Amino acid sequence: MTQDIPVIVRVMPSADELEISIPSSATPRELINHILDADIGVPKTDAQSNQVVYQLIPKGKNEVLKESETFSQGDVQANDVILMIPKVIAG
């Protein structure tokens, strides 16, 4: 049985906070897609109309959650603050 984990997702750079319960078996990619599909104002494109790609980083851990691992495998705990940060691609 999958257990839900209550977390706070802080969408950067605006720092808007979303309180969400995520299944421990879900992946970061699934959560990011869910947030983007919710149409709550999270930018999908930048000023030059390039698609924005996000990554998830638990606050204080300074390590990106792997997109293919579940939140359980990424050791996400109840009430963790997870930063949803746009990937910066140089070029």
C-alpha atoms as a PDB file:
ATOM      1  CA  MET A   1       0.000   0.000   0.000  1.00  0.00           C
ATOM      2  CA  THR A   2       1.276   3.443  -0.917  1.00  0.00           C
ATOM      3  CA  GLN A   3       1.496   5.986   1.872  1.00  0.00           C
ATOM      4  CA  ASP A   4       0.959   9.684   1.228  1.00  0.00           C
ATOM      5  CA  ILE A   5       3.633  12.121   2.417  1.00  0.00           C
ATOM      6  CA  PRO A   6       2.541  15.693   3.257  1.00  0.00           C
ATOM      7  CA  VAL A   7       5.114  18.173   1.921  1.00  0.00           C
ATOM      8  CA  ILE A   8       5.441  21.848   1.085  1.00  0.00           C
ATOM      9  CA  VAL A   9       6.553  22.585  -2.471  1.00  0.00           C
ATOM     10  CA  ARG A  10       8.136  26.030  -2.809  1.00  0.00           C
ATOM     11  CA  VAL A  11       8.030  27.070  -6.474  1.00  0.00           C
ATOM     12  CA  MET A  12      11.011  29.247  -7.331  1.00  0.00           C
ATOM     13  CA  PRO A  13      11.802  32.000  -8.110  1.00  0.00           C
ATOM     14  CA  SER A  14       8.441  33.342  -6.868  1.00  0.00           C
ATOM     15  CA  ALA A  15       8.619  31.270  -3.624  1.00  0.00           C
ATOM     16  CA  ASP A  16       4.897  30.448  -3.830  1.00  0.00           C
ATOM     17  CA  GLU A  17       4.176  27.551  -1.470  1.00  0.00           C
ATOM     18  CA  LEU A  18       1.885  24.607  -2.176  1.00  0.00           C
ATOM     19  CA  GLU A  19       0.896  22.173   0.560  1.00  0.00           C
ATOM     20  CA  ILE A  20       0.588  18.799  -1.148  1.00  0.00           C
ATOM     21  CA  SER A  21       0.276  15.165  -0.116  1.00  0.00           C
ATOM     22  CA  ILE A  22       2.290  13.003  -2.481  1.00  0.00           C
ATOM     23  CA  PRO A  23       2.259   9.214  -2.782  1.00  0.00           C
ATOM     24  CA  SER A  24       5.568   7.785  -1.572  1.00  0.00           C
ATOM     25  CA  SER A  25       5.621   5.737  -4.802  1.00  0.00           C
ATOM     26  CA  ALA A  26       5.386   8.844  -7.039  1.00  0.00           C
ATOM     27  CA  THR A  27       8.408  10.307  -8.831  1.00  0.00           C
ATOM     28  CA  PRO A  28       9.599  13.922  -8.995  1.00  0.00           C
ATOM     29  CA  ARG A  29       8.687  14.027 -12.704  1.00  0.00           C
ATOM     30  CA  GLU A  30       5.087  13.023 -11.885  1.00  0.00           C
ATOM     31  CA  LEU A  31       4.799  15.732  -9.214  1.00  0.00           C
ATOM     32  CA  ILE A  32       6.260  18.424 -11.489  1.00  0.00           C
ATOM     33  CA  ASN A  33       3.869  17.452 -14.292  1.00  0.00           C
ATOM     34  CA  HIS A  34       0.934  17.485 -11.849  1.00  0.00           C
ATOM     35  CA  ILE A  35       1.817  20.999 -10.673  1.00  0.00           C
ATOM     36  CA  LEU A  36       2.288  22.286 -14.228  1.00  0.00           C
ATOM     37  CA  ASP A  37      -0.980  20.680 -15.382  1.00  0.00           C
ATOM     38  CA  ALA A  38      -2.878  22.251 -12.449  1.00  0.00           C
ATOM     39  CA  ASP A  39      -2.658  25.621 -14.246  1.00  0.00           C
ATOM     40  CA  ILE A  40      -1.944  27.581 -11.060  1.00  0.00           C
ATOM     41  CA  GLY A  41       0.359  30.098 -12.682  1.00  0.00           C
ATOM     42  CA  VAL A  42       3.665  28.203 -12.630  1.00  0.00           C
ATOM     43  CA  PRO A  43       5.530  29.327 -15.771  1.00  0.00           C
ATOM     44  CA  LYS A  44       5.899  26.668 -18.463  1.00  0.00           C
ATOM     45  CA  THR A  45       7.950  28.921 -20.767  1.00  0.00           C
ATOM     46  CA  ASP A  46      10.511  31.678 -20.228  1.00  0.00           C
ATOM     47  CA  ALA A  47      10.599  35.185 -21.728  1.00  0.00           C
ATOM     48  CA  GLN A  48      12.057  33.770 -24.979  1.00  0.00           C
ATOM     49  CA  SER A  49       9.268  31.133 -25.215  1.00  0.00           C
ATOM     50  CA  ASN A  50      11.655  28.299 -24.290  1.00  0.00           C
ATOM     51  CA  GLN A  51      10.158  25.472 -22.239  1.00  0.00           C
ATOM     52  CA  VAL A  52      11.110  25.715 -18.554  1.00  0.00           C
ATOM     53  CA  VAL A  53      12.401  22.431 -17.096  1.00  0.00           C
ATOM     54  CA  TYR A  54      12.122  22.055 -13.332  1.00  0.00           C
ATOM     55  CA  GLN A  55      13.965  19.972 -10.760  1.00  0.00           C
ATOM     56  CA  LEU A  56      13.124  19.194  -7.138  1.00  0.00           C
ATOM     57  CA  ILE A  57      15.560  19.771  -4.282  1.00  0.00           C
ATOM     58  CA  PRO A  58      14.640  19.081  -0.646  1.00  0.00           C
ATOM     59  CA  LYS A  59      15.540  22.184   1.375  1.00  0.00           C
ATOM     60  CA  GLY A  60      18.709  21.670   3.391  1.00  0.00           C
ATOM     61  CA  LYS A  61      19.844  18.586   1.448  1.00  0.00           C
ATOM     62  CA  ASN A  62      21.397  20.410  -1.518  1.00  0.00           C
ATOM     63  CA  GLU A  63      20.875  17.370  -3.741  1.00  0.00           C
ATOM     64  CA  VAL A  64      18.473  17.089  -6.685  1.00  0.00           C
ATOM     65  CA  LEU A  65      15.916  14.303  -6.418  1.00  0.00           C
ATOM     66  CA  LYS A  66      16.440  11.862  -9.270  1.00  0.00           C
ATOM     67  CA  GLU A  67      13.508  11.993 -11.692  1.00  0.00           C
ATOM     68  CA  SER A  68      13.254   8.194 -11.944  1.00  0.00           C
ATOM     69  CA  GLU A  69      13.350   7.467  -8.190  1.00  0.00           C
ATOM     70  CA  THR A  70      10.297   7.490  -5.979  1.00  0.00           C
ATOM     71  CA  PHE A  71       9.974   9.964  -3.131  1.00  0.00           C
ATOM     72  CA  SER A  72      10.440   7.029  -0.767  1.00  0.00           C
ATOM     73  CA  GLN A  73      13.759   6.157  -2.448  1.00  0.00           C
ATOM     74  CA  GLY A  74      14.756   9.833  -2.280  1.00  0.00           C
ATOM     75  CA  ASP A  75      14.189   9.779   1.496  1.00  0.00           C
ATOM     76  CA  VAL A  76      11.510  12.497   1.407  1.00  0.00           C
ATOM     77  CA  GLN A  77       9.938  12.850   4.856  1.00  0.00           C
ATOM     78  CA  ALA A  78       6.625  14.245   6.054  1.00  0.00           C
ATOM     79  CA  ASN A  79       6.572  18.051   6.199  1.00  0.00           C
ATOM     80  CA  ASP A  80       9.765  18.437   4.147  1.00  0.00           C
ATOM     81  CA  VAL A  81      10.058  21.646   2.151  1.00  0.00           C
ATOM     82  CA  ILE A  82      10.889  20.808  -1.455  1.00  0.00           C
ATOM     83  CA  LEU A  83      12.169  23.531  -3.753  1.00  0.00           C
ATOM     84  CA  MET A  84      10.901  23.356  -7.340  1.00  0.00           C
ATOM     85  CA  ILE A  85      13.652  25.169  -9.212  1.00  0.00           C
ATOM     86  CA  PRO A  86      14.037  25.828 -12.943  1.00  0.00           C
ATOM     87  CA  LYS A  87      17.083  24.107 -14.405  1.00  0.00           C
ATOM     88  CA  VAL A  88      19.518  26.645 -15.751  1.00  0.00           C
ATOM     89  CA  ILE A  89      20.984  25.605 -19.072  1.00  0.00           C
ATOM     90  CA  ALA A  90      23.989  27.616 -20.159  1.00  0.00           C
ATOM     91  CA  GLY A  91      24.227  28.541 -23.761  1.00  0.00           C
END
